[in-house]
Amino acid sequence: MPRSIDYNKRLLKQLRDPDEAAAYLNAVLAEGDLKLFIKALGKIAEARGGMTQLAEKTRVSRMGLYKVFSDRGNPGFATVESILSAFNLRFSIQPGKAPAR
């Protein structure tokens, strides 16, 4: 019988790849839930070395990052942009689909 694969370990391994991380964040954004997006950023941080490494790249304290990724986190755009930049990712705006008439 095949062994089961730990979903979290597999996800963390995939999120090390910038293309996979970008696809993951785009899928989460499509859900329209900002809290879920912040949680997804936290997952990528975990995959890419944790809060200490991210703190060094963003110049946001580790404690500040833990607050950002907490259930009560409400980071500003500049903070999110800084985190994305540390992951070598960026926001991109695309036109939406016109509503059906």
C-alpha atoms as a PDB file:
ATOM      1  CA  MET A   1       0.000   0.000   0.000  1.00  0.00           C
ATOM      2  CA  PRO A   2       1.451   3.435  -0.931  1.00  0.00           C
ATOM      3  CA  ARG A   3       2.327   5.774   1.872  1.00  0.00           C
ATOM      4  CA  SER A   4       0.273   8.906   2.175  1.00  0.00           C
ATOM      5  CA  ILE A   5       1.922  12.190   1.306  1.00  0.00           C
ATOM      6  CA  ASP A   6       1.805  14.975   3.843  1.00  0.00           C
ATOM      7  CA  TYR A   7      -0.118  17.759   2.053  1.00  0.00           C
ATOM      8  CA  ASN A   8       1.632  20.546   3.943  1.00  0.00           C
ATOM      9  CA  LYS A   9       5.124  19.227   3.160  1.00  0.00           C
ATOM     10  CA  ARG A  10       4.245  18.862  -0.504  1.00  0.00           C
ATOM     11  CA  LEU A  11       2.747  22.354  -0.655  1.00  0.00           C
ATOM     12  CA  LEU A  12       5.789  23.909   1.032  1.00  0.00           C
ATOM     13  CA  LYS A  13       8.092  22.180  -1.441  1.00  0.00           C
ATOM     14  CA  GLN A  14       6.035  23.458  -4.388  1.00  0.00           C
ATOM     15  CA  LEU A  15       5.902  27.017  -3.041  1.00  0.00           C
ATOM     16  CA  ARG A  16       9.685  27.315  -3.232  1.00  0.00           C
ATOM     17  CA  ASP A  17       9.254  27.631  -6.995  1.00  0.00           C
ATOM     18  CA  PRO A  18       8.359  31.244  -7.972  1.00  0.00           C
ATOM     19  CA  ASP A  19       5.985  30.102 -10.728  1.00  0.00           C
ATOM     20  CA  GLU A  20       4.149  27.785  -8.337  1.00  0.00           C
ATOM     21  CA  ALA A  21       4.001  30.512  -5.671  1.00  0.00           C
ATOM     22  CA  ALA A  22       2.585  32.984  -8.200  1.00  0.00           C
ATOM     23  CA  ALA A  23      -0.048  30.479  -9.375  1.00  0.00           C
ATOM     24  CA  TYR A  24      -0.970  29.722  -5.756  1.00  0.00           C
ATOM     25  CA  LEU A  25      -1.411  33.407  -4.915  1.00  0.00           C
ATOM     26  CA  ASN A  26      -3.418  34.042  -8.085  1.00  0.00           C
ATOM     27  CA  ALA A  27      -5.748  31.158  -7.227  1.00  0.00           C
ATOM     28  CA  VAL A  28      -6.213  32.541  -3.725  1.00  0.00           C
ATOM     29  CA  LEU A  29      -6.838  36.057  -5.070  1.00  0.00           C
ATOM     30  CA  ALA A  30      -9.556  34.653  -7.333  1.00  0.00           C
ATOM     31  CA  GLU A  31     -11.403  33.628  -4.165  1.00  0.00           C
ATOM     32  CA  GLY A  32     -11.658  37.303  -3.189  1.00  0.00           C
ATOM     33  CA  ASP A  33     -10.737  36.753   0.473  1.00  0.00           C
ATOM     34  CA  LEU A  34      -7.985  39.099   1.699  1.00  0.00           C
ATOM     35  CA  LYS A  35      -7.438  37.121   4.921  1.00  0.00           C
ATOM     36  CA  LEU A  36      -6.887  33.969   2.866  1.00  0.00           C
ATOM     37  CA  PHE A  37      -4.401  35.850   0.665  1.00  0.00           C
ATOM     38  CA  ILE A  38      -2.416  36.936   3.730  1.00  0.00           C
ATOM     39  CA  LYS A  39      -2.421  33.341   5.010  1.00  0.00           C
ATOM     40  CA  ALA A  40      -1.126  32.211   1.596  1.00  0.00           C
ATOM     41  CA  LEU A  41       1.719  34.734   1.835  1.00  0.00           C
ATOM     42  CA  GLY A  42       2.535  33.257   5.239  1.00  0.00           C
ATOM     43  CA  LYS A  43       2.665  29.777   3.716  1.00  0.00           C
ATOM     44  CA  ILE A  44       5.137  31.020   1.110  1.00  0.00           C
ATOM     45  CA  ALA A  45       7.222  32.626   3.873  1.00  0.00           C
ATOM     46  CA  GLU A  46       7.283  29.281   5.666  1.00  0.00           C
ATOM     47  CA  ALA A  47       8.363  27.535   2.457  1.00  0.00           C
ATOM     48  CA  ARG A  48      11.113  30.048   1.773  1.00  0.00           C
ATOM     49  CA  GLY A  49      13.000  29.973   5.040  1.00  0.00           C
ATOM     50  CA  GLY A  50      10.637  31.370   7.638  1.00  0.00           C
ATOM     51  CA  MET A  51      10.140  34.686   9.360  1.00  0.00           C
ATOM     52  CA  THR A  52      13.774  35.383  10.227  1.00  0.00           C
ATOM     53  CA  GLN A  53      14.845  35.259   6.606  1.00  0.00           C
ATOM     54  CA  LEU A  54      11.809  37.263   5.472  1.00  0.00           C
ATOM     55  CA  ALA A  55      12.425  39.870   8.181  1.00  0.00           C
ATOM     56  CA  GLU A  56      15.959  40.403   6.873  1.00  0.00           C
ATOM     57  CA  LYS A  57      14.695  40.910   3.327  1.00  0.00           C
ATOM     58  CA  THR A  58      11.733  43.161   4.153  1.00  0.00           C
ATOM     59  CA  ARG A  59      13.152  45.064   7.137  1.00  0.00           C
ATOM     60  CA  VAL A  60       9.958  44.246   9.016  1.00  0.00           C
ATOM     61  CA  SER A  61      10.611  42.688  12.417  1.00  0.00           C
ATOM     62  CA  ARG A  62       9.915  39.007  12.944  1.00  0.00           C
ATOM     63  CA  MET A  63       7.253  39.900  15.488  1.00  0.00           C
ATOM     64  CA  GLY A  64       5.739  42.334  13.013  1.00  0.00           C
ATOM     65  CA  LEU A  65       5.590  39.582  10.395  1.00  0.00           C
ATOM     66  CA  TYR A  66       3.959  37.181  12.826  1.00  0.00           C
ATOM     67  CA  LYS A  67       1.320  39.859  13.422  1.00  0.00           C
ATOM     68  CA  VAL A  68       0.864  40.362   9.674  1.00  0.00           C
ATOM     69  CA  PHE A  69       0.215  36.644   9.166  1.00  0.00           C
ATOM     70  CA  SER A  70      -1.953  36.200  12.245  1.00  0.00           C
ATOM     71  CA  ASP A  71      -5.741  35.904  12.103  1.00  0.00           C
ATOM     72  CA  ARG A  72      -5.947  39.539  13.153  1.00  0.00           C
ATOM     73  CA  GLY A  73      -3.290  40.750  10.726  1.00  0.00           C
ATOM     74  CA  ASN A  74      -4.240  43.662   8.523  1.00  0.00           C
ATOM     75  CA  PRO A  75      -1.098  44.720   6.645  1.00  0.00           C
ATOM     76  CA  GLY A  76      -0.927  47.808   4.515  1.00  0.00           C
ATOM     77  CA  PHE A  77      -0.252  47.693   0.797  1.00  0.00           C
ATOM     78  CA  ALA A  78       3.400  48.724   1.255  1.00  0.00           C
ATOM     79  CA  THR A  79       3.990  45.796   3.621  1.00  0.00           C
ATOM     80  CA  VAL A  80       2.364  43.299   1.257  1.00  0.00           C
ATOM     81  CA  GLU A  81       4.347  44.742  -1.637  1.00  0.00           C
ATOM     82  CA  SER A  82       7.569  44.430   0.375  1.00  0.00           C
ATOM     83  CA  ILE A  83       6.796  40.789   1.181  1.00  0.00           C
ATOM     84  CA  LEU A  84       5.998  40.007  -2.455  1.00  0.00           C
ATOM     85  CA  SER A  85       9.237  41.673  -3.519  1.00  0.00           C
ATOM     86  CA  ALA A  86      11.184  39.506  -1.056  1.00  0.00           C
ATOM     87  CA  PHE A  87       9.669  36.479  -2.810  1.00  0.00           C
ATOM     88  CA  ASN A  88      10.595  37.972  -6.206  1.00  0.00           C
ATOM     89  CA  LEU A  89       6.890  38.402  -7.009  1.00  0.00           C
ATOM     90  CA  ARG A  90       4.781  41.463  -7.810  1.00  0.00           C
ATOM     91  CA  PHE A  91       1.186  42.517  -8.228  1.00  0.00           C
ATOM     92  CA  SER A  92      -0.266  42.647 -11.710  1.00  0.00           C
ATOM     93  CA  ILE A  93      -3.595  44.182 -12.645  1.00  0.00           C
ATOM     94  CA  GLN A  94      -5.628  42.712 -15.472  1.00  0.00           C
ATOM     95  CA  PRO A  95      -8.975  43.729 -16.871  1.00  0.00           C
ATOM     96  CA  GLY A  96     -11.894  41.733 -15.584  1.00  0.00           C
ATOM     97  CA  LYS A  97     -14.426  39.991 -17.721  1.00  0.00           C
ATOM     98  CA  ALA A  98     -17.442  42.071 -18.640  1.00  0.00           C
ATOM     99  CA  PRO A  99     -20.632  40.892 -16.985  1.00  0.00           C
ATOM    100  CA  ALA A 100     -22.995  38.920 -19.207  1.00  0.00           C
ATOM    101  CA  ARG A 101     -25.875  40.980 -20.550  1.00  0.00           C
END
